Amino acid sequence: MPSAAEPQADDHALVAALAAESQALGGVFEPERDCWRVVHRHVHGMLPSEYDIRDVPEDLYLAVLAACRAEL
């Protein structure tokens, strides 16, 4: 069972907010990359650097990606 501190993919407000953030990063919108970047920032407190390989919750990433794709 996930702890209360772990982000939840079923939190629709969180998923929607992260999806909006990913679309607002600037530049050419690349859904897979940009969604991963905002989930990384949400979980780790900063956008990833070039060599940052820390994990992000896959279920949250996939939920944000699906929300972005639904908007396109």
PDB file of N, CA and C in Angstrom:
ATOM      1  N   MET A   1       0.845  -1.177   0.000  1.00  0.00           N
ATOM      2  CA  MET A   1       0.000   0.000   0.000  1.00  0.00           C
ATOM      3  C   MET A   1       0.893   1.244   0.000  1.00  0.00           C
ATOM      4  N   PRO A   2       0.639   2.204  -0.923  1.00  0.00           N
ATOM      5  CA  PRO A   2       1.468   3.404  -0.973  1.00  0.00           C
ATOM      6  C   PRO A   2       1.267   4.273   0.248  1.00  0.00           C
ATOM      7  N   SER A   3       2.325   4.984   0.606  1.00  0.00           N
ATOM      8  CA  SER A   3       2.209   5.891   1.740  1.00  0.00           C
ATOM      9  C   SER A   3       1.494   7.156   1.301  1.00  0.00           C
ATOM     10  N   ALA A   4       1.080   7.950   2.251  1.00  0.00           N
ATOM     11  CA  ALA A   4       0.363   9.188   1.958  1.00  0.00           C
ATOM     12  C   ALA A   4       1.244  10.186   1.231  1.00  0.00           C
ATOM     13  N   ALA A   5       2.570  10.050   1.360  1.00  0.00           N
ATOM     14  CA  ALA A   5       3.494  10.990   0.725  1.00  0.00           C
ATOM     15  C   ALA A   5       3.709  10.688  -0.757  1.00  0.00           C
ATOM     16  N   GLU A   6       3.386   9.475  -1.203  1.00  0.00           N
ATOM     17  CA  GLU A   6       3.608   9.114  -2.597  1.00  0.00           C
ATOM     18  C   GLU A   6       2.520   9.730  -3.474  1.00  0.00           C
ATOM     19  N   PRO A   7       2.912  10.302  -4.630  1.00  0.00           N
ATOM     20  CA  PRO A   7       1.916  10.857  -5.529  1.00  0.00           C
ATOM     21  C   PRO A   7       1.032   9.756  -6.096  1.00  0.00           C
ATOM     22  N   GLN A   8      -0.224  10.052  -6.278  1.00  0.00           N
ATOM     23  CA  GLN A   8      -1.176   9.061  -6.739  1.00  0.00           C
ATOM     24  C   GLN A   8      -1.671   9.388  -8.142  1.00  0.00           C
ATOM     25  N   ALA A   9      -1.638   8.407  -9.032  1.00  0.00           N
ATOM     26  CA  ALA A   9      -2.097   8.596 -10.399  1.00  0.00           C
ATOM     27  C   ALA A   9      -3.605   8.773 -10.453  1.00  0.00           C
ATOM     28  N   ASP A  10      -4.320   8.368  -9.399  1.00  0.00           N
ATOM     29  CA  ASP A  10      -5.774   8.529  -9.407  1.00  0.00           C
ATOM     30  C   ASP A  10      -6.209   9.875  -8.822  1.00  0.00           C
ATOM     31  N   ASP A  11      -5.268  10.736  -8.503  1.00  0.00           N
ATOM     32  CA  ASP A  11      -5.563  12.098  -8.052  1.00  0.00           C
ATOM     33  C   ASP A  11      -5.731  12.949  -9.306  1.00  0.00           C
ATOM     34  N   HIS A  12      -6.982  13.116  -9.740  1.00  0.00           N
ATOM     35  CA  HIS A  12      -7.269  13.769 -11.017  1.00  0.00           C
ATOM     36  C   HIS A  12      -6.798  15.215 -11.055  1.00  0.00           C
ATOM     37  N   ALA A  13      -6.894  15.921  -9.961  1.00  0.00           N
ATOM     38  CA  ALA A  13      -6.436  17.312  -9.935  1.00  0.00           C
ATOM     39  C   ALA A  13      -4.928  17.382 -10.119  1.00  0.00           C
ATOM     40  N   LEU A  14      -4.195  16.488  -9.475  1.00  0.00           N
ATOM     41  CA  LEU A  14      -2.744  16.449  -9.615  1.00  0.00           C
ATOM     42  C   LEU A  14      -2.360  16.103 -11.046  1.00  0.00           C
ATOM     43  N   VAL A  15      -2.983  15.094 -11.613  1.00  0.00           N
ATOM     44  CA  VAL A  15      -2.679  14.680 -12.984  1.00  0.00           C
ATOM     45  C   VAL A  15      -2.965  15.817 -13.954  1.00  0.00           C
ATOM     46  N   ALA A  16      -4.097  16.491 -13.791  1.00  0.00           N
ATOM     47  CA  ALA A  16      -4.457  17.601 -14.678  1.00  0.00           C
ATOM     48  C   ALA A  16      -3.466  18.752 -14.539  1.00  0.00           C
ATOM     49  N   ALA A  17      -3.058  19.057 -13.323  1.00  0.00           N
ATOM     50  CA  ALA A  17      -2.099  20.147 -13.103  1.00  0.00           C
ATOM     51  C   ALA A  17      -0.747  19.816 -13.721  1.00  0.00           C
ATOM     52  N   LEU A  18      -0.287  18.584 -13.559  1.00  0.00           N
ATOM     53  CA  LEU A  18       0.991  18.192 -14.143  1.00  0.00           C
ATOM     54  C   LEU A  18       0.915  18.159 -15.668  1.00  0.00           C
ATOM     55  N   ALA A  19      -0.211  17.739 -16.209  1.00  0.00           N
ATOM     56  CA  ALA A  19      -0.389  17.742 -17.667  1.00  0.00           C
ATOM     57  C   ALA A  19      -0.314  19.170 -18.198  1.00  0.00           C
ATOM     58  N   ALA A  20      -0.961  20.103 -17.523  1.00  0.00           N
ATOM     59  CA  ALA A  20      -0.912  21.511 -17.938  1.00  0.00           C
ATOM     60  C   ALA A  20       0.512  22.053 -17.837  1.00  0.00           C
ATOM     61  N   GLU A  21       1.222  21.698 -16.776  1.00  0.00           N
ATOM     62  CA  GLU A  21       2.613  22.136 -16.621  1.00  0.00           C
ATOM     63  C   GLU A  21       3.479  21.603 -17.754  1.00  0.00           C
ATOM     64  N   SER A  22       3.266  20.361 -18.143  1.00  0.00           N
ATOM     65  CA  SER A  22       4.098  19.775 -19.190  1.00  0.00           C
ATOM     66  C   SER A  22       3.893  20.494 -20.514  1.00  0.00           C
ATOM     67  N   GLN A  23       2.686  20.947 -20.766  1.00  0.00           N
ATOM     68  CA  GLN A  23       2.391  21.648 -22.010  1.00  0.00           C
ATOM     69  C   GLN A  23       2.900  23.085 -21.974  1.00  0.00           C
ATOM     70  N   ALA A  24       3.201  23.599 -20.800  1.00  0.00           N
ATOM     71  CA  ALA A  24       3.646  24.983 -20.654  1.00  0.00           C
ATOM     72  C   ALA A  24       5.161  25.107 -20.491  1.00  0.00           C
ATOM     73  N   LEU A  25       5.903  24.022 -20.669  1.00  0.00           N
ATOM     74  CA  LEU A  25       7.351  24.084 -20.469  1.00  0.00           C
ATOM     75  C   LEU A  25       8.043  24.965 -21.501  1.00  0.00           C
ATOM     76  N   GLY A  26       7.452  25.138 -22.633  1.00  0.00           N
ATOM     77  CA  GLY A  26       8.063  25.958 -23.675  1.00  0.00           C
ATOM     78  C   GLY A  26       8.776  25.108 -24.695  1.00  0.00           C
ATOM     79  N   GLY A  27       9.026  25.694 -25.833  1.00  0.00           N
ATOM     80  CA  GLY A  27       9.675  24.966 -26.913  1.00  0.00           C
ATOM     81  C   GLY A  27       8.683  24.040 -27.593  1.00  0.00           C
ATOM     82  N   VAL A  28       9.215  23.118 -28.364  1.00  0.00           N
ATOM     83  CA  VAL A  28       8.386  22.140 -29.062  1.00  0.00           C
ATOM     84  C   VAL A  28       7.877  21.141 -28.029  1.00  0.00           C
ATOM     85  N   PHE A  29       6.563  20.936 -27.996  1.00  0.00           N
ATOM     86  CA  PHE A  29       5.979  20.017 -27.024  1.00  0.00           C
ATOM     87  C   PHE A  29       6.273  18.587 -27.435  1.00  0.00           C
ATOM     88  N   GLU A  30       6.998  17.874 -26.585  1.00  0.00           N
ATOM     89  CA  GLU A  30       7.301  16.453 -26.765  1.00  0.00           C
ATOM     90  C   GLU A  30       6.643  15.727 -25.593  1.00  0.00           C
ATOM     91  N   PRO A  31       5.450  15.168 -25.786  1.00  0.00           N
ATOM     92  CA  PRO A  31       4.672  14.637 -24.659  1.00  0.00           C
ATOM     93  C   PRO A  31       5.435  13.679 -23.745  1.00  0.00           C
ATOM     94  N   GLU A  32       6.119  12.690 -24.302  1.00  0.00           N
ATOM     95  CA  GLU A  32       6.795  11.700 -23.455  1.00  0.00           C
ATOM     96  C   GLU A  32       7.866  12.363 -22.599  1.00  0.00           C
ATOM     97  N   ARG A  33       8.661  13.196 -23.212  1.00  0.00           N
ATOM     98  CA  ARG A  33       9.759  13.863 -22.496  1.00  0.00           C
ATOM     99  C   ARG A  33       9.233  14.887 -21.493  1.00  0.00           C
ATOM    100  N   ASP A  34       8.319  15.732 -21.943  1.00  0.00           N
ATOM    101  CA  ASP A  34       7.850  16.807 -21.082  1.00  0.00           C
ATOM    102  C   ASP A  34       7.018  16.301 -19.901  1.00  0.00           C
ATOM    103  N   CYS A  35       6.233  15.268 -20.122  1.00  0.00           N
ATOM    104  CA  CYS A  35       5.466  14.691 -19.006  1.00  0.00           C
ATOM    105  C   CYS A  35       6.406  14.077 -17.979  1.00  0.00           C
ATOM    106  N   TRP A  36       7.439  13.368 -18.455  1.00  0.00           N
ATOM    107  CA  TRP A  36       8.414  12.787 -17.534  1.00  0.00           C
ATOM    108  C   TRP A  36       9.112  13.887 -16.743  1.00  0.00           C
ATOM    109  N   ARG A  37       9.448  14.998 -17.407  1.00  0.00           N
ATOM    110  CA  ARG A  37      10.152  16.096 -16.733  1.00  0.00           C
ATOM    111  C   ARG A  37       9.308  16.701 -15.610  1.00  0.00           C
ATOM    112  N   VAL A  38       8.007  16.938 -15.850  1.00  0.00           N
ATOM    113  CA  VAL A  38       7.200  17.558 -14.793  1.00  0.00           C
ATOM    114  C   VAL A  38       6.911  16.584 -13.661  1.00  0.00           C
ATOM    115  N   VAL A  39       6.768  15.305 -13.972  1.00  0.00           N
ATOM    116  CA  VAL A  39       6.585  14.316 -12.899  1.00  0.00           C
ATOM    117  C   VAL A  39       7.873  14.236 -12.077  1.00  0.00           C
ATOM    118  N   HIS A  40       9.015  14.281 -12.734  1.00  0.00           N
ATOM    119  CA  HIS A  40      10.303  14.283 -12.030  1.00  0.00           C
ATOM    120  C   HIS A  40      10.379  15.490 -11.102  1.00  0.00           C
ATOM    121  N   ARG A  41       9.999  16.670 -11.607  1.00  0.00           N
ATOM    122  CA  ARG A  41      10.041  17.870 -10.771  1.00  0.00           C
ATOM    123  C   ARG A  41       9.081  17.747  -9.587  1.00  0.00           C
ATOM    124  N   HIS A  42       7.914  17.179  -9.825  1.00  0.00           N
ATOM    125  CA  HIS A  42       6.939  17.004  -8.743  1.00  0.00           C
ATOM    126  C   HIS A  42       7.484  16.076  -7.656  1.00  0.00           C
ATOM    127  N   VAL A  43       8.135  15.000  -8.069  1.00  0.00           N
ATOM    128  CA  VAL A  43       8.612  13.995  -7.118  1.00  0.00           C
ATOM    129  C   VAL A  43       9.920  14.406  -6.440  1.00  0.00           C
ATOM    130  N   HIS A  44      10.865  14.961  -7.220  1.00  0.00           N
ATOM    131  CA  HIS A  44      12.208  15.223  -6.706  1.00  0.00           C
ATOM    132  C   HIS A  44      12.492  16.697  -6.417  1.00  0.00           C
ATOM    133  N   GLY A  45      11.555  17.582  -6.762  1.00  0.00           N
ATOM    134  CA  GLY A  45      11.713  18.993  -6.432  1.00  0.00           C
ATOM    135  C   GLY A  45      12.490  19.820  -7.432  1.00  0.00           C
ATOM    136  N   MET A  46      12.899  19.212  -8.547  1.00  0.00           N
ATOM    137  CA  MET A  46      13.634  19.953  -9.577  1.00  0.00           C
ATOM    138  C   MET A  46      13.499  19.235 -10.910  1.00  0.00           C
ATOM    139  N   LEU A  47      13.630  20.028 -11.979  1.00  0.00           N
ATOM    140  CA  LEU A  47      13.664  19.400 -13.295  1.00  0.00           C
ATOM    141  C   LEU A  47      14.928  18.558 -13.383  1.00  0.00           C
ATOM    142  N   PRO A  48      14.897  17.488 -14.163  1.00  0.00           N
ATOM    143  CA  PRO A  48      16.071  16.626 -14.256  1.00  0.00           C
ATOM    144  C   PRO A  48      17.206  17.298 -15.014  1.00  0.00           C
ATOM    145  N   SER A  49      18.419  16.976 -14.617  1.00  0.00           N
ATOM    146  CA  SER A  49      19.584  17.416 -15.379  1.00  0.00           C
ATOM    147  C   SER A  49      19.805  16.403 -16.500  1.00  0.00           C
ATOM    148  N   GLU A  50      20.789  16.647 -17.313  1.00  0.00           N
ATOM    149  CA  GLU A  50      21.043  15.780 -18.462  1.00  0.00           C
ATOM    150  C   GLU A  50      21.302  14.336 -18.052  1.00  0.00           C
ATOM    151  N   TYR A  51      21.949  14.132 -16.932  1.00  0.00           N
ATOM    152  CA  TYR A  51      22.328  12.782 -16.516  1.00  0.00           C
ATOM    153  C   TYR A  51      21.514  12.264 -15.330  1.00  0.00           C
ATOM    154  N   ASP A  52      20.409  12.903 -15.047  1.00  0.00           N
ATOM    155  CA  ASP A  52      19.575  12.512 -13.912  1.00  0.00           C
ATOM    156  C   ASP A  52      18.756  11.284 -14.280  1.00  0.00           C
ATOM    157  N   ILE A  53      18.981  10.194 -13.583  1.00  0.00           N
ATOM    158  CA  ILE A  53      18.284   8.949 -13.905  1.00  0.00           C
ATOM    159  C   ILE A  53      17.399   8.473 -12.755  1.00  0.00           C
ATOM    160  N   ARG A  54      17.061   9.377 -11.858  1.00  0.00           N
ATOM    161  CA  ARG A  54      16.199   8.965 -10.751  1.00  0.00           C
ATOM    162  C   ARG A  54      14.836   8.542 -11.284  1.00  0.00           C
ATOM    163  N   ASP A  55      14.279   7.550 -10.626  1.00  0.00           N
ATOM    164  CA  ASP A  55      12.977   7.026 -11.033  1.00  0.00           C
ATOM    165  C   ASP A  55      11.853   7.991 -10.702  1.00  0.00           C
ATOM    166  N   VAL A  56      10.790   7.867 -11.479  1.00  0.00           N
ATOM    167  CA  VAL A  56       9.531   8.541 -11.172  1.00  0.00           C
ATOM    168  C   VAL A  56       8.461   7.452 -11.131  1.00  0.00           C
ATOM    169  N   PRO A  57       7.373   7.679 -10.409  1.00  0.00           N
ATOM    170  CA  PRO A  57       6.305   6.673 -10.363  1.00  0.00           C
ATOM    171  C   PRO A  57       5.704   6.469 -11.760  1.00  0.00           C
ATOM    172  N   GLU A  58       5.830   5.265 -12.267  1.00  0.00           N
ATOM    173  CA  GLU A  58       5.380   4.995 -13.632  1.00  0.00           C
ATOM    174  C   GLU A  58       3.887   5.232 -13.804  1.00  0.00           C
ATOM    175  N   ASP A  59       3.086   4.858 -12.795  1.00  0.00           N
ATOM    176  CA  ASP A  59       1.641   5.041 -12.931  1.00  0.00           C
ATOM    177  C   ASP A  59       1.272   6.522 -13.018  1.00  0.00           C
ATOM    178  N   LEU A  60       1.978   7.374 -12.280  1.00  0.00           N
ATOM    179  CA  LEU A  60       1.720   8.809 -12.348  1.00  0.00           C
ATOM    180  C   LEU A  60       2.164   9.358 -13.702  1.00  0.00           C
ATOM    181  N   TYR A  61       3.346   8.965 -14.153  1.00  0.00           N
ATOM    182  CA  TYR A  61       3.835   9.410 -15.463  1.00  0.00           C
ATOM    183  C   TYR A  61       2.854   9.018 -16.564  1.00  0.00           C
ATOM    184  N   LEU A  62       2.400   7.776 -16.573  1.00  0.00           N
ATOM    185  CA  LEU A  62       1.480   7.308 -17.614  1.00  0.00           C
ATOM    186  C   LEU A  62       0.132   8.033 -17.545  1.00  0.00           C
ATOM    187  N   ALA A  63      -0.329   8.352 -16.351  1.00  0.00           N
ATOM    188  CA  ALA A  63      -1.588   9.093 -16.206  1.00  0.00           C
ATOM    189  C   ALA A  63      -1.443  10.509 -16.754  1.00  0.00           C
ATOM    190  N   VAL A  64      -0.321  11.155 -16.472  1.00  0.00           N
ATOM    191  CA  VAL A  64      -0.074  12.513 -16.985  1.00  0.00           C
ATOM    192  C   VAL A  64       0.053  12.466 -18.512  1.00  0.00           C
ATOM    193  N   LEU A  65       0.763  11.500 -19.023  1.00  0.00           N
ATOM    194  CA  LEU A  65       0.919  11.359 -20.469  1.00  0.00           C
ATOM    195  C   LEU A  65      -0.426  11.136 -21.143  1.00  0.00           C
ATOM    196  N   ALA A  66      -1.254  10.288 -20.580  1.00  0.00           N
ATOM    197  CA  ALA A  66      -2.584  10.036 -21.142  1.00  0.00           C
ATOM    198  C   ALA A  66      -3.434  11.312 -21.127  1.00  0.00           C
ATOM    199  N   ALA A  67      -3.335  12.094 -20.051  1.00  0.00           N
ATOM    200  CA  ALA A  67      -4.088  13.340 -19.967  1.00  0.00           C
ATOM    201  C   ALA A  67      -3.612  14.325 -21.034  1.00  0.00           C
ATOM    202  N   CYS A  68      -2.328  14.390 -21.271  1.00  0.00           N
ATOM    203  CA  CYS A  68      -1.789  15.283 -22.317  1.00  0.00           C
ATOM    204  C   CYS A  68      -2.258  14.840 -23.686  1.00  0.00           C
ATOM    205  N   ARG A  69      -2.190  13.573 -23.936  1.00  0.00           N
ATOM    206  CA  ARG A  69      -2.611  13.058 -25.240  1.00  0.00           C
ATOM    207  C   ARG A  69      -4.098  13.272 -25.477  1.00  0.00           C
ATOM    208  N   ALA A  70      -4.888  13.223 -24.427  1.00  0.00           N
ATOM    209  CA  ALA A  70      -6.337  13.450 -24.559  1.00  0.00           C
ATOM    210  C   ALA A  70      -6.620  14.897 -24.938  1.00  0.00           C
ATOM    211  N   GLU A  71      -5.720  15.819 -24.547  1.00  0.00           N
ATOM    212  CA  GLU A  71      -5.886  17.228 -24.855  1.00  0.00           C
ATOM    213  C   GLU A  71      -5.486  17.561 -26.282  1.00  0.00           C
ATOM    214  N   LEU A  72      -4.630  16.742 -26.900  1.00  0.00           N
ATOM    215  CA  LEU A  72      -4.124  17.050 -28.242  1.00  0.00           C
ATOM    216  C   LEU A  72      -5.163  16.880 -29.307  1.00  0.00           C
TER     217      LEU A  72
END
